[in-house]
Amino acid sequence: SFIWGGRGSIRRVLYMAAVAATRCNPVIRVFYQRLIKGVKLQK
């Protein structure tokens, strides 16, 4: 499954918001750490 198409400007903003949330928000950070345990790709 791939994501493609759509509005790239919105996708870039949402990606950067998710990156910032995984670094600064403790609740999101714990959730992100739990998600990446079983996944090889960090993104």
Full PDB file with SEQRES, HELIX, SHEET, SSBOND, CRYST1, ORIGX, SCALE, CONECT and MASTER records, all heavy atoms in Angstrom:
SEQRES   1 A   43  SER PHE ILE TRP GLY GLY ARG GLY SER ILE ARG ARG VAL          
SEQRES   2 A   43  LEU TYR MET ALA ALA VAL ALA ALA THR ARG CYS ASN PRO          
SEQRES   3 A   43  VAL ILE ARG VAL PHE TYR GLN ARG LEU ILE LYS GLY VAL          
SEQRES   4 A   43  LYS LEU GLN LYS                                              
HELIX    1 AA1 GLY A    8  CYS A   24  1                                  17    
HELIX    2 AA2 PRO A   26  ILE A   36  1                                  11    
CRYST1    1.000    1.000    1.000  90.00  90.00  90.00 P 1           1          
ORIGX1      1.000000  0.000000  0.000000        0.00000                         
ORIGX2      0.000000  1.000000  0.000000        0.00000                         
ORIGX3      0.000000  0.000000  1.000000        0.00000                         
SCALE1      1.000000  0.000000  0.000000        0.00000                         
SCALE2      0.000000  1.000000  0.000000        0.00000                         
SCALE3      0.000000  0.000000  1.000000        0.00000                         
ATOM      1  N   SER A   1       0.846  -1.180   0.000  1.00  0.00           N  
ATOM      2  CA  SER A   1       0.000   0.000   0.000  1.00  0.00           C  
ATOM      3  C   SER A   1       0.887   1.238   0.000  1.00  0.00           C  
ATOM      4  O   SER A   1       1.875   1.290   0.720  1.00  0.00           O  
ATOM      5  CB  SER A   1      -0.889   0.019   1.240  1.00  0.00           C  
ATOM      6  OG  SER A   1      -1.767  -1.057   1.231  1.00  0.00           O  
ATOM      7  N   PHE A   2       0.541   2.197  -0.825  1.00  0.00           N  
ATOM      8  CA  PHE A   2       1.305   3.429  -0.921  1.00  0.00           C  
ATOM      9  C   PHE A   2       0.371   4.620  -0.775  1.00  0.00           C  
ATOM     10  O   PHE A   2      -0.799   4.537  -1.109  1.00  0.00           O  
ATOM     11  CB  PHE A   2       2.007   3.540  -2.280  1.00  0.00           C  
ATOM     12  CG  PHE A   2       3.086   2.533  -2.475  1.00  0.00           C  
ATOM     13  CD1 PHE A   2       2.850   1.370  -3.180  1.00  0.00           C  
ATOM     14  CD2 PHE A   2       4.351   2.748  -1.956  1.00  0.00           C  
ATOM     15  CE1 PHE A   2       3.847   0.438  -3.372  1.00  0.00           C  
ATOM     16  CE2 PHE A   2       5.356   1.829  -2.136  1.00  0.00           C  
ATOM     17  CZ  PHE A   2       5.108   0.669  -2.841  1.00  0.00           C  
ATOM     18  N   ILE A   3       0.918   5.722  -0.278  1.00  0.00           N  
ATOM     19  CA  ILE A   3       0.178   6.966  -0.325  1.00  0.00           C  
ATOM     20  C   ILE A   3       0.763   7.769  -1.475  1.00  0.00           C  
ATOM     21  O   ILE A   3       1.964   7.763  -1.712  1.00  0.00           O  
ATOM     22  CB  ILE A   3       0.245   7.748   1.007  1.00  0.00           C  
ATOM     23  CG1 ILE A   3       1.670   8.098   1.386  1.00  0.00           C  
ATOM     24  CG2 ILE A   3      -0.401   6.965   2.124  1.00  0.00           C  
ATOM     25  CD1 ILE A   3       1.770   9.045   2.546  1.00  0.00           C  
ATOM     26  N   TRP A   4      -0.087   8.436  -2.213  1.00  0.00           N  
ATOM     27  CA  TRP A   4       0.377   9.209  -3.357  1.00  0.00           C  
ATOM     28  C   TRP A   4      -0.700  10.208  -3.742  1.00  0.00           C  
ATOM     29  O   TRP A   4      -1.844  10.095  -3.333  1.00  0.00           O  
ATOM     30  CB  TRP A   4       0.714   8.313  -4.546  1.00  0.00           C  
ATOM     31  CG  TRP A   4      -0.386   7.432  -4.995  1.00  0.00           C  
ATOM     32  CD1 TRP A   4      -0.727   6.221  -4.484  1.00  0.00           C  
ATOM     33  CD2 TRP A   4      -1.338   7.700  -6.016  1.00  0.00           C  
ATOM     34  NE1 TRP A   4      -1.807   5.708  -5.121  1.00  0.00           N  
ATOM     35  CE2 TRP A   4      -2.214   6.603  -6.083  1.00  0.00           C  
ATOM     36  CE3 TRP A   4      -1.542   8.748  -6.885  1.00  0.00           C  
ATOM     37  CZ2 TRP A   4      -3.268   6.539  -6.967  1.00  0.00           C  
ATOM     38  CZ3 TRP A   4      -2.590   8.678  -7.777  1.00  0.00           C  
ATOM     39  CH2 TRP A   4      -3.428   7.571  -7.811  1.00  0.00           C  
ATOM     40  N   GLY A   5      -0.308  11.159  -4.552  1.00  0.00           N  
ATOM     41  CA  GLY A   5      -1.242  12.164  -5.040  1.00  0.00           C  
ATOM     42  C   GLY A   5      -1.665  13.119  -3.944  1.00  0.00           C  
ATOM     43  O   GLY A   5      -0.999  13.271  -2.921  1.00  0.00           O  
ATOM     44  N   GLY A   6      -2.753  13.756  -4.151  1.00  0.00           N  
ATOM     45  CA  GLY A   6      -3.282  14.672  -3.160  1.00  0.00           C  
ATOM     46  C   GLY A   6      -2.571  16.005  -3.146  1.00  0.00           C  
ATOM     47  O   GLY A   6      -1.838  16.363  -4.067  1.00  0.00           O  
ATOM     48  N   ARG A   7      -2.775  16.725  -2.084  1.00  0.00           N  
ATOM     49  CA  ARG A   7      -2.218  18.061  -1.941  1.00  0.00           C  
ATOM     50  C   ARG A   7      -0.965  18.000  -1.086  1.00  0.00           C  
ATOM     51  O   ARG A   7      -1.021  17.837   0.126  1.00  0.00           O  
ATOM     52  CB  ARG A   7      -3.262  18.981  -1.343  1.00  0.00           C  
ATOM     53  CG  ARG A   7      -4.483  19.052  -2.252  1.00  0.00           C  
ATOM     54  CD  ARG A   7      -5.563  19.894  -1.724  1.00  0.00           C  
ATOM     55  NE  ARG A   7      -6.698  19.821  -2.655  1.00  0.00           N  
ATOM     56  CZ  ARG A   7      -7.901  20.231  -2.365  1.00  0.00           C  
ATOM     57  NH1 ARG A   7      -8.146  20.761  -1.194  1.00  0.00           N  
ATOM     58  NH2 ARG A   7      -8.857  20.117  -3.241  1.00  0.00           N  
ATOM     59  N   GLY A   8       0.162  18.142  -1.745  1.00  0.00           N  
ATOM     60  CA  GLY A   8       1.456  17.986  -1.094  1.00  0.00           C  
ATOM     61  C   GLY A   8       1.742  19.019  -0.030  1.00  0.00           C  
ATOM     62  O   GLY A   8       2.400  18.729   0.971  1.00  0.00           O  
ATOM     63  N   SER A   9       1.247  20.230  -0.220  1.00  0.00           N  
ATOM     64  CA  SER A   9       1.511  21.280   0.775  1.00  0.00           C  
ATOM     65  C   SER A   9       0.881  20.934   2.120  1.00  0.00           C  
ATOM     66  O   SER A   9       1.489  21.155   3.171  1.00  0.00           O  
ATOM     67  CB  SER A   9       0.993  22.626   0.273  1.00  0.00           C  
ATOM     68  OG  SER A   9      -0.397  22.557   0.027  1.00  0.00           O  
ATOM     69  N   ILE A  10      -0.305  20.375   2.099  1.00  0.00           N  
ATOM     70  CA  ILE A  10      -0.964  19.976   3.347  1.00  0.00           C  
ATOM     71  C   ILE A  10      -0.248  18.785   3.954  1.00  0.00           C  
ATOM     72  O   ILE A  10      -0.049  18.709   5.172  1.00  0.00           O  
ATOM     73  CB  ILE A  10      -2.449  19.645   3.092  1.00  0.00           C  
ATOM     74  CG1 ILE A  10      -3.166  20.862   2.537  1.00  0.00           C  
ATOM     75  CG2 ILE A  10      -3.126  19.180   4.370  1.00  0.00           C  
ATOM     76  CD1 ILE A  10      -4.569  20.584   2.084  1.00  0.00           C  
ATOM     77  N   ARG A  11       0.147  17.846   3.107  1.00  0.00           N  
ATOM     78  CA  ARG A  11       0.843  16.650   3.594  1.00  0.00           C  
ATOM     79  C   ARG A  11       2.160  17.019   4.281  1.00  0.00           C  
ATOM     80  O   ARG A  11       2.512  16.468   5.322  1.00  0.00           O  
ATOM     81  CB  ARG A  11       1.072  15.684   2.432  1.00  0.00           C  
ATOM     82  CG  ARG A  11       1.353  14.280   2.857  1.00  0.00           C  
ATOM     83  CD  ARG A  11       1.294  13.275   1.726  1.00  0.00           C  
ATOM     84  NE  ARG A  11       1.994  13.669   0.532  1.00  0.00           N  
ATOM     85  CZ  ARG A  11       1.397  14.017  -0.608  1.00  0.00           C  
ATOM     86  NH1 ARG A  11       0.091  14.012  -0.703  1.00  0.00           N  
ATOM     87  NH2 ARG A  11       2.103  14.347  -1.662  1.00  0.00           N  
ATOM     88  N   ARG A  12       2.886  17.982   3.723  1.00  0.00           N  
ATOM     89  CA  ARG A  12       4.142  18.429   4.342  1.00  0.00           C  
ATOM     90  C   ARG A  12       3.901  19.066   5.700  1.00  0.00           C  
ATOM     91  O   ARG A  12       4.635  18.826   6.662  1.00  0.00           O  
ATOM     92  CB  ARG A  12       4.860  19.410   3.421  1.00  0.00           C  
ATOM     93  CG  ARG A  12       5.579  18.740   2.270  1.00  0.00           C  
ATOM     94  CD  ARG A  12       6.447  19.727   1.522  1.00  0.00           C  
ATOM     95  NE  ARG A  12       5.669  20.733   0.799  1.00  0.00           N  
ATOM     96  CZ  ARG A  12       5.202  20.575  -0.432  1.00  0.00           C  
ATOM     97  NH1 ARG A  12       5.429  19.450  -1.073  1.00  0.00           N  
ATOM     98  NH2 ARG A  12       4.526  21.531  -1.022  1.00  0.00           N  
ATOM     99  N   VAL A  13       2.870  19.884   5.816  1.00  0.00           N  
ATOM    100  CA  VAL A  13       2.555  20.533   7.092  1.00  0.00           C  
ATOM    101  C   VAL A  13       2.151  19.498   8.138  1.00  0.00           C  
ATOM    102  O   VAL A  13       2.586  19.560   9.293  1.00  0.00           O  
ATOM    103  CB  VAL A  13       1.445  21.597   6.895  1.00  0.00           C  
ATOM    104  CG1 VAL A  13       0.903  22.079   8.226  1.00  0.00           C  
ATOM    105  CG2 VAL A  13       1.964  22.759   6.085  1.00  0.00           C  
ATOM    106  N   LEU A  14       1.334  18.535   7.751  1.00  0.00           N  
ATOM    107  CA  LEU A  14       0.920  17.494   8.693  1.00  0.00           C  
ATOM    108  C   LEU A  14       2.104  16.627   9.131  1.00  0.00           C  
ATOM    109  O   LEU A  14       2.189  16.228  10.300  1.00  0.00           O  
ATOM    110  CB  LEU A  14      -0.167  16.614   8.066  1.00  0.00           C  
ATOM    111  CG  LEU A  14      -1.519  17.269   7.853  1.00  0.00           C  
ATOM    112  CD1 LEU A  14      -2.452  16.321   7.117  1.00  0.00           C  
ATOM    113  CD2 LEU A  14      -2.121  17.695   9.175  1.00  0.00           C  
ATOM    114  N   TYR A  15       3.025  16.356   8.215  1.00  0.00           N  
ATOM    115  CA  TYR A  15       4.206  15.564   8.557  1.00  0.00           C  
ATOM    116  C   TYR A  15       5.073  16.291   9.581  1.00  0.00           C  
ATOM    117  O   TYR A  15       5.508  15.708  10.573  1.00  0.00           O  
ATOM    118  CB  TYR A  15       5.020  15.251   7.299  1.00  0.00           C  
ATOM    119  CG  TYR A  15       6.317  14.548   7.588  1.00  0.00           C  
ATOM    120  CD1 TYR A  15       6.325  13.199   7.924  1.00  0.00           C  
ATOM    121  CD2 TYR A  15       7.522  15.232   7.565  1.00  0.00           C  
ATOM    122  CE1 TYR A  15       7.513  12.544   8.207  1.00  0.00           C  
ATOM    123  CE2 TYR A  15       8.711  14.589   7.845  1.00  0.00           C  
ATOM    124  CZ  TYR A  15       8.702  13.253   8.164  1.00  0.00           C  
ATOM    125  OH  TYR A  15       9.870  12.611   8.458  1.00  0.00           O  
ATOM    126  N   MET A  16       5.331  17.577   9.349  1.00  0.00           N  
ATOM    127  CA  MET A  16       6.158  18.328  10.283  1.00  0.00           C  
ATOM    128  C   MET A  16       5.485  18.474  11.641  1.00  0.00           C  
ATOM    129  O   MET A  16       6.154  18.451  12.682  1.00  0.00           O  
ATOM    130  CB  MET A  16       6.505  19.702   9.705  1.00  0.00           C  
ATOM    131  CG  MET A  16       7.490  19.626   8.568  1.00  0.00           C  
ATOM    132  SD  MET A  16       8.966  18.638   8.931  1.00  0.00           S  
ATOM    133  CE  MET A  16       9.697  19.558  10.244  1.00  0.00           C  
ATOM    134  N   ALA A  17       4.168  18.603  11.661  1.00  0.00           N  
ATOM    135  CA  ALA A  17       3.446  18.665  12.934  1.00  0.00           C  
ATOM    136  C   ALA A  17       3.566  17.340  13.680  1.00  0.00           C  
ATOM    137  O   ALA A  17       3.720  17.318  14.909  1.00  0.00           O  
ATOM    138  CB  ALA A  17       1.981  19.010  12.693  1.00  0.00           C  
ATOM    139  N   ALA A  18       3.508  16.229  12.956  1.00  0.00           N  
ATOM    140  CA  ALA A  18       3.647  14.910  13.591  1.00  0.00           C  
ATOM    141  C   ALA A  18       5.061  14.710  14.134  1.00  0.00           C  
ATOM    142  O   ALA A  18       5.240  14.170  15.232  1.00  0.00           O  
ATOM    143  CB  ALA A  18       3.309  13.807  12.588  1.00  0.00           C  
ATOM    144  N   VAL A  19       6.068  15.160  13.403  1.00  0.00           N  
ATOM    145  CA  VAL A  19       7.453  15.049  13.871  1.00  0.00           C  
ATOM    146  C   VAL A  19       7.647  15.879  15.133  1.00  0.00           C  
ATOM    147  O   VAL A  19       8.230  15.418  16.121  1.00  0.00           O  
ATOM    148  CB  VAL A  19       8.448  15.477  12.768  1.00  0.00           C  
ATOM    149  CG1 VAL A  19       9.850  15.617  13.317  1.00  0.00           C  
ATOM    150  CG2 VAL A  19       8.429  14.481  11.636  1.00  0.00           C  
ATOM    151  N   ALA A  20       7.145  17.104  15.136  1.00  0.00           N  
ATOM    152  CA  ALA A  20       7.276  17.967  16.313  1.00  0.00           C  
ATOM    153  C   ALA A  20       6.534  17.376  17.506  1.00  0.00           C  
ATOM    154  O   ALA A  20       7.023  17.442  18.642  1.00  0.00           O  
ATOM    155  CB  ALA A  20       6.752  19.360  15.996  1.00  0.00           C  
ATOM    156  N   ALA A  21       5.370  16.786  17.264  1.00  0.00           N  
ATOM    157  CA  ALA A  21       4.597  16.201  18.361  1.00  0.00           C  
ATOM    158  C   ALA A  21       5.304  14.994  18.960  1.00  0.00           C  
ATOM    159  O   ALA A  21       5.264  14.791  20.184  1.00  0.00           O  
ATOM    160  CB  ALA A  21       3.209  15.806  17.865  1.00  0.00           C  
ATOM    161  N   THR A  22       5.973  14.186  18.131  1.00  0.00           N  
ATOM    162  CA  THR A  22       6.676  13.022  18.671  1.00  0.00           C  
ATOM    163  C   THR A  22       7.891  13.429  19.490  1.00  0.00           C  
ATOM    164  O   THR A  22       8.335  12.657  20.341  1.00  0.00           O  
ATOM    165  CB  THR A  22       7.128  12.065  17.555  1.00  0.00           C  
ATOM    166  OG1 THR A  22       7.985  12.761  16.660  1.00  0.00           O  
ATOM    167  CG2 THR A  22       5.949  11.470  16.816  1.00  0.00           C  
ATOM    168  N   ARG A  23       8.407  14.619  19.273  1.00  0.00           N  
ATOM    169  CA  ARG A  23       9.570  15.087  20.035  1.00  0.00           C  
ATOM    170  C   ARG A  23       9.172  15.864  21.291  1.00  0.00           C  
ATOM    171  O   ARG A  23       9.864  15.783  22.298  1.00  0.00           O  
ATOM    172  CB  ARG A  23      10.451  15.976  19.157  1.00  0.00           C  
ATOM    173  CG  ARG A  23      11.108  15.203  18.062  1.00  0.00           C  
ATOM    174  CD  ARG A  23      11.971  16.097  17.226  1.00  0.00           C  
ATOM    175  NE  ARG A  23      12.569  15.337  16.138  1.00  0.00           N  
ATOM    176  CZ  ARG A  23      13.237  15.883  15.152  1.00  0.00           C  
ATOM    177  NH1 ARG A  23      13.389  17.181  15.097  1.00  0.00           N  
ATOM    178  NH2 ARG A  23      13.736  15.128  14.208  1.00  0.00           N  
ATOM    179  N   CYS A  24       8.095  16.621  21.230  1.00  0.00           N  
ATOM    180  CA  CYS A  24       7.777  17.555  22.313  1.00  0.00           C  
ATOM    181  C   CYS A  24       6.598  17.148  23.188  1.00  0.00           C  
ATOM    182  O   CYS A  24       6.553  17.528  24.347  1.00  0.00           O  
ATOM    183  CB  CYS A  24       7.495  18.936  21.730  1.00  0.00           C  
ATOM    184  SG  CYS A  24       8.890  19.611  20.822  1.00  0.00           S  
ATOM    185  N   ASN A  25       5.638  16.428  22.647  1.00  0.00           N  
ATOM    186  CA  ASN A  25       4.445  16.048  23.403  1.00  0.00           C  
ATOM    187  C   ASN A  25       4.677  14.685  24.042  1.00  0.00           C  
ATOM    188  O   ASN A  25       4.828  13.682  23.345  1.00  0.00           O  
ATOM    189  CB  ASN A  25       3.240  16.003  22.464  1.00  0.00           C  
ATOM    190  CG  ASN A  25       1.943  15.813  23.196  1.00  0.00           C  
ATOM    191  OD1 ASN A  25       1.885  15.183  24.244  1.00  0.00           O  
ATOM    192  ND2 ASN A  25       0.883  16.360  22.626  1.00  0.00           N  
ATOM    193  N   PRO A  26       4.688  14.587  25.388  1.00  0.00           N  
ATOM    194  CA  PRO A  26       4.997  13.306  26.030  1.00  0.00           C  
ATOM    195  C   PRO A  26       3.964  12.213  25.743  1.00  0.00           C  
ATOM    196  O   PRO A  26       4.327  11.043  25.614  1.00  0.00           O  
ATOM    197  CB  PRO A  26       5.058  13.637  27.514  1.00  0.00           C  
ATOM    198  CG  PRO A  26       4.540  15.002  27.676  1.00  0.00           C  
ATOM    199  CD  PRO A  26       4.519  15.662  26.347  1.00  0.00           C  
ATOM    200  N   VAL A  27       2.708  12.567  25.612  1.00  0.00           N  
ATOM    201  CA  VAL A  27       1.671  11.562  25.326  1.00  0.00           C  
ATOM    202  C   VAL A  27       1.854  10.996  23.922  1.00  0.00           C  
ATOM    203  O   VAL A  27       1.823   9.775  23.714  1.00  0.00           O  
ATOM    204  CB  VAL A  27       0.266  12.180  25.491  1.00  0.00           C  
ATOM    205  CG1 VAL A  27      -0.810  11.194  25.096  1.00  0.00           C  
ATOM    206  CG2 VAL A  27       0.069  12.667  26.913  1.00  0.00           C  
ATOM    207  N   ILE A  28       2.073  11.880  22.946  1.00  0.00           N  
ATOM    208  CA  ILE A  28       2.289  11.441  21.563  1.00  0.00           C  
ATOM    209  C   ILE A  28       3.587  10.668  21.455  1.00  0.00           C  
ATOM    210  O   ILE A  28       3.683   9.683  20.719  1.00  0.00           O  
ATOM    211  CB  ILE A  28       2.297  12.654  20.607  1.00  0.00           C  
ATOM    212  CG1 ILE A  28       0.986  13.420  20.689  1.00  0.00           C  
ATOM    213  CG2 ILE A  28       2.598  12.234  19.183  1.00  0.00           C  
ATOM    214  CD1 ILE A  28      -0.198  12.722  20.078  1.00  0.00           C  
ATOM    215  N   ARG A  29       4.618  11.069  22.183  1.00  0.00           N  
ATOM    216  CA  ARG A  29       5.909  10.378  22.147  1.00  0.00           C  
ATOM    217  C   ARG A  29       5.775   8.931  22.605  1.00  0.00           C  
ATOM    218  O   ARG A  29       6.300   8.025  21.970  1.00  0.00           O  
ATOM    219  CB  ARG A  29       6.939  11.097  23.008  1.00  0.00           C  
ATOM    220  CG  ARG A  29       8.320  10.460  22.907  1.00  0.00           C  
ATOM    221  CD  ARG A  29       9.340  11.099  23.803  1.00  0.00           C  
ATOM    222  NE  ARG A  29       9.302  12.555  23.705  1.00  0.00           N  
ATOM    223  CZ  ARG A  29       9.541  13.365  24.723  1.00  0.00           C  
ATOM    224  NH1 ARG A  29       9.847  12.895  25.899  1.00  0.00           N  
ATOM    225  NH2 ARG A  29       9.491  14.670  24.556  1.00  0.00           N  
ATOM    226  N   VAL A  30       5.051   8.703  23.685  1.00  0.00           N  
ATOM    227  CA  VAL A  30       4.846   7.335  24.183  1.00  0.00           C  
ATOM    228  C   VAL A  30       4.072   6.514  23.146  1.00  0.00           C  
ATOM    229  O   VAL A  30       4.408   5.353  22.876  1.00  0.00           O  
ATOM    230  CB  VAL A  30       4.115   7.360  25.541  1.00  0.00           C  
ATOM    231  CG1 VAL A  30       3.663   5.970  25.955  1.00  0.00           C  
ATOM    232  CG2 VAL A  30       5.003   7.976  26.598  1.00  0.00           C  
ATOM    233  N   PHE A  31       3.046   7.107  22.570  1.00  0.00           N  
ATOM    234  CA  PHE A  31       2.258   6.417  21.550  1.00  0.00           C  
ATOM    235  C   PHE A  31       3.117   6.083  20.333  1.00  0.00           C  
ATOM    236  O   PHE A  31       3.066   4.969  19.802  1.00  0.00           O  
ATOM    237  CB  PHE A  31       1.069   7.297  21.147  1.00  0.00           C  
ATOM    238  CG  PHE A  31       0.178   6.693  20.112  1.00  0.00           C  
ATOM    239  CD1 PHE A  31      -0.558   5.557  20.373  1.00  0.00           C  
ATOM    240  CD2 PHE A  31       0.081   7.270  18.855  1.00  0.00           C  
ATOM    241  CE1 PHE A  31      -1.381   4.999  19.409  1.00  0.00           C  
ATOM    242  CE2 PHE A  31      -0.735   6.726  17.889  1.00  0.00           C  
ATOM    243  CZ  PHE A  31      -1.467   5.580  18.167  1.00  0.00           C  
ATOM    244  N   TYR A  32       3.949   7.023  19.886  1.00  0.00           N  
ATOM    245  CA  TYR A  32       4.829   6.809  18.736  1.00  0.00           C  
ATOM    246  C   TYR A  32       5.844   5.706  19.029  1.00  0.00           C  
ATOM    247  O   TYR A  32       6.096   4.850  18.185  1.00  0.00           O  
ATOM    248  CB  TYR A  32       5.532   8.113  18.378  1.00  0.00           C  
ATOM    249  CG  TYR A  32       6.545   7.989  17.272  1.00  0.00           C  
ATOM    250  CD1 TYR A  32       6.144   7.757  15.959  1.00  0.00           C  
ATOM    251  CD2 TYR A  32       7.895   8.112  17.525  1.00  0.00           C  
ATOM    252  CE1 TYR A  32       7.067   7.654  14.942  1.00  0.00           C  
ATOM    253  CE2 TYR A  32       8.828   8.018  16.518  1.00  0.00           C  
ATOM    254  CZ  TYR A  32       8.409   7.781  15.232  1.00  0.00           C  
ATOM    255  OH  TYR A  32       9.325   7.671  14.229  1.00  0.00           O  
ATOM    256  N   GLN A  33       6.439   5.720  20.217  1.00  0.00           N  
ATOM    257  CA  GLN A  33       7.407   4.687  20.592  1.00  0.00           C  
ATOM    258  C   GLN A  33       6.764   3.303  20.580  1.00  0.00           C  
ATOM    259  O   GLN A  33       7.382   2.324  20.167  1.00  0.00           O  
ATOM    260  CB  GLN A  33       8.003   4.977  21.979  1.00  0.00           C  
ATOM    261  CG  GLN A  33       8.872   6.209  22.028  1.00  0.00           C  
ATOM    262  CD  GLN A  33      10.099   6.086  21.158  1.00  0.00           C  
ATOM    263  OE1 GLN A  33      10.666   5.024  20.995  1.00  0.00           O  
ATOM    264  NE2 GLN A  33      10.508   7.201  20.584  1.00  0.00           N  
ATOM    265  N   ARG A  34       5.523   3.218  21.025  1.00  0.00           N  
ATOM    266  CA  ARG A  34       4.810   1.939  21.003  1.00  0.00           C  
ATOM    267  C   ARG A  34       4.548   1.484  19.565  1.00  0.00           C  
ATOM    268  O   ARG A  34       4.656   0.303  19.248  1.00  0.00           O  
ATOM    269  CB  ARG A  34       3.502   2.068  21.776  1.00  0.00           C  
ATOM    270  CG  ARG A  34       2.840   0.718  22.024  1.00  0.00           C  
ATOM    271  CD  ARG A  34       1.568   0.867  22.772  1.00  0.00           C  
ATOM    272  NE  ARG A  34       0.636   1.607  21.918  1.00  0.00           N  
ATOM    273  CZ  ARG A  34      -0.444   2.224  22.353  1.00  0.00           C  
ATOM    274  NH1 ARG A  34      -0.730   2.226  23.623  1.00  0.00           N  
ATOM    275  NH2 ARG A  34      -1.231   2.858  21.527  1.00  0.00           N  
ATOM    276  N   LEU A  35       4.247   2.419  18.683  1.00  0.00           N  
ATOM    277  CA  LEU A  35       3.980   2.062  17.288  1.00  0.00           C  
ATOM    278  C   LEU A  35       5.222   1.584  16.550  1.00  0.00           C  
ATOM    279  O   LEU A  35       5.147   0.695  15.706  1.00  0.00           O  
ATOM    280  CB  LEU A  35       3.385   3.253  16.540  1.00  0.00           C  
ATOM    281  CG  LEU A  35       1.944   3.603  16.834  1.00  0.00           C  
ATOM    282  CD1 LEU A  35       1.554   4.859  16.072  1.00  0.00           C  
ATOM    283  CD2 LEU A  35       1.018   2.472  16.481  1.00  0.00           C  
ATOM    284  N   ILE A  36       6.392   2.173  16.840  1.00  0.00           N  
ATOM    285  CA  ILE A  36       7.588   1.823  16.076  1.00  0.00           C  
ATOM    286  C   ILE A  36       8.295   0.582  16.601  1.00  0.00           C  
ATOM    287  O   ILE A  36       9.253   0.136  15.985  1.00  0.00           O  
ATOM    288  CB  ILE A  36       8.590   2.994  16.015  1.00  0.00           C  
ATOM    289  CG1 ILE A  36       9.114   3.364  17.389  1.00  0.00           C  
ATOM    290  CG2 ILE A  36       7.999   4.173  15.305  1.00  0.00           C  
ATOM    291  CD1 ILE A  36      10.240   4.380  17.354  1.00  0.00           C  
ATOM    292  N   LYS A  37       7.831  -0.002  17.689  1.00  0.00           N  
ATOM    293  CA  LYS A  37       8.484  -1.207  18.213  1.00  0.00           C  
ATOM    294  C   LYS A  37       8.470  -2.350  17.206  1.00  0.00           C  
ATOM    295  O   LYS A  37       9.462  -3.028  17.017  1.00  0.00           O  
ATOM    296  CB  LYS A  37       7.819  -1.662  19.514  1.00  0.00           C  
ATOM    297  CG  LYS A  37       8.286  -0.902  20.704  1.00  0.00           C  
ATOM    298  CD  LYS A  37       7.713  -1.491  21.964  1.00  0.00           C  
ATOM    299  CE  LYS A  37       8.203  -0.692  23.157  1.00  0.00           C  
ATOM    300  NZ  LYS A  37       7.637  -1.189  24.395  1.00  0.00           N  
ATOM    301  N   GLY A  38       7.353  -2.583  16.536  1.00  0.00           N  
ATOM    302  CA  GLY A  38       7.254  -3.709  15.629  1.00  0.00           C  
ATOM    303  C   GLY A  38       7.460  -3.364  14.170  1.00  0.00           C  
ATOM    304  O   GLY A  38       7.338  -4.221  13.303  1.00  0.00           O  
ATOM    305  N   VAL A  39       7.797  -2.114  13.885  1.00  0.00           N  
ATOM    306  CA  VAL A  39       7.917  -1.666  12.503  1.00  0.00           C  
ATOM    307  C   VAL A  39       9.376  -1.358  12.191  1.00  0.00           C  
ATOM    308  O   VAL A  39      10.068  -0.725  12.970  1.00  0.00           O  
ATOM    309  CB  VAL A  39       7.055  -0.392  12.287  1.00  0.00           C  
ATOM    310  CG1 VAL A  39       7.189   0.108  10.862  1.00  0.00           C  
ATOM    311  CG2 VAL A  39       5.619  -0.665  12.613  1.00  0.00           C  
ATOM    312  N   LYS A  40       9.847  -1.810  11.032  1.00  0.00           N  
ATOM    313  CA  LYS A  40      11.232  -1.543  10.643  1.00  0.00           C  
ATOM    314  C   LYS A  40      11.407  -0.119  10.137  1.00  0.00           C  
ATOM    315  O   LYS A  40      12.435   0.497  10.349  1.00  0.00           O  
ATOM    316  CB  LYS A  40      11.674  -2.524   9.567  1.00  0.00           C  
ATOM    317  CG  LYS A  40      11.799  -3.944  10.049  1.00  0.00           C  
ATOM    318  CD  LYS A  40      12.254  -4.854   8.942  1.00  0.00           C  
ATOM    319  CE  LYS A  40      12.312  -6.280   9.437  1.00  0.00           C  
ATOM    320  NZ  LYS A  40      12.704  -7.199   8.383  1.00  0.00           N  
ATOM    321  N   LEU A  41      10.419   0.405   9.478  1.00  0.00           N  
ATOM    322  CA  LEU A  41      10.500   1.751   8.929  1.00  0.00           C  
ATOM    323  C   LEU A  41      10.003   2.762   9.969  1.00  0.00           C  
ATOM    324  O   LEU A  41       8.885   2.694  10.433  1.00  0.00           O  
ATOM    325  CB  LEU A  41       9.649   1.873   7.669  1.00  0.00           C  
ATOM    326  CG  LEU A  41      10.023   0.926   6.531  1.00  0.00           C  
ATOM    327  CD1 LEU A  41       9.009   1.026   5.414  1.00  0.00           C  
ATOM    328  CD2 LEU A  41      11.400   1.264   6.017  1.00  0.00           C  
ATOM    329  N   GLN A  42      10.860   3.719  10.329  1.00  0.00           N  
ATOM    330  CA  GLN A  42      10.525   4.692  11.353  1.00  0.00           C  
ATOM    331  C   GLN A  42       9.463   5.688  10.886  1.00  0.00           C  
ATOM    332  O   GLN A  42       8.717   6.216  11.689  1.00  0.00           O  
ATOM    333  CB  GLN A  42      11.783   5.453  11.775  1.00  0.00           C  
ATOM    334  CG  GLN A  42      12.851   4.587  12.371  1.00  0.00           C  
ATOM    335  CD  GLN A  42      12.531   4.160  13.784  1.00  0.00           C  
ATOM    336  OE1 GLN A  42      12.027   4.930  14.543  1.00  0.00           O  
ATOM    337  NE2 GLN A  42      12.839   2.919  14.110  1.00  0.00           N  
ATOM    338  N   LYS A  43       9.389   5.963   9.585  1.00  0.00           N  
ATOM    339  CA  LYS A  43       8.453   6.958   9.085  1.00  0.00           C  
ATOM    340  C   LYS A  43       7.030   6.411   8.948  1.00  0.00           C  
ATOM    341  O   LYS A  43       6.099   7.193   8.832  1.00  0.00           O  
ATOM    342  CB  LYS A  43       8.912   7.478   7.720  1.00  0.00           C  
ATOM    343  CG  LYS A  43      10.072   8.404   7.795  1.00  0.00           C  
ATOM    344  CD  LYS A  43      10.325   8.994   6.419  1.00  0.00           C  
ATOM    345  CE  LYS A  43      11.465   9.969   6.461  1.00  0.00           C  
ATOM    346  NZ  LYS A  43      11.674  10.562   5.138  1.00  0.00           N  
TER     347      LYS A  43                                                      
MASTER        0    0    0    2    0    0    0    6  346    1    0    4          
END                                                                             
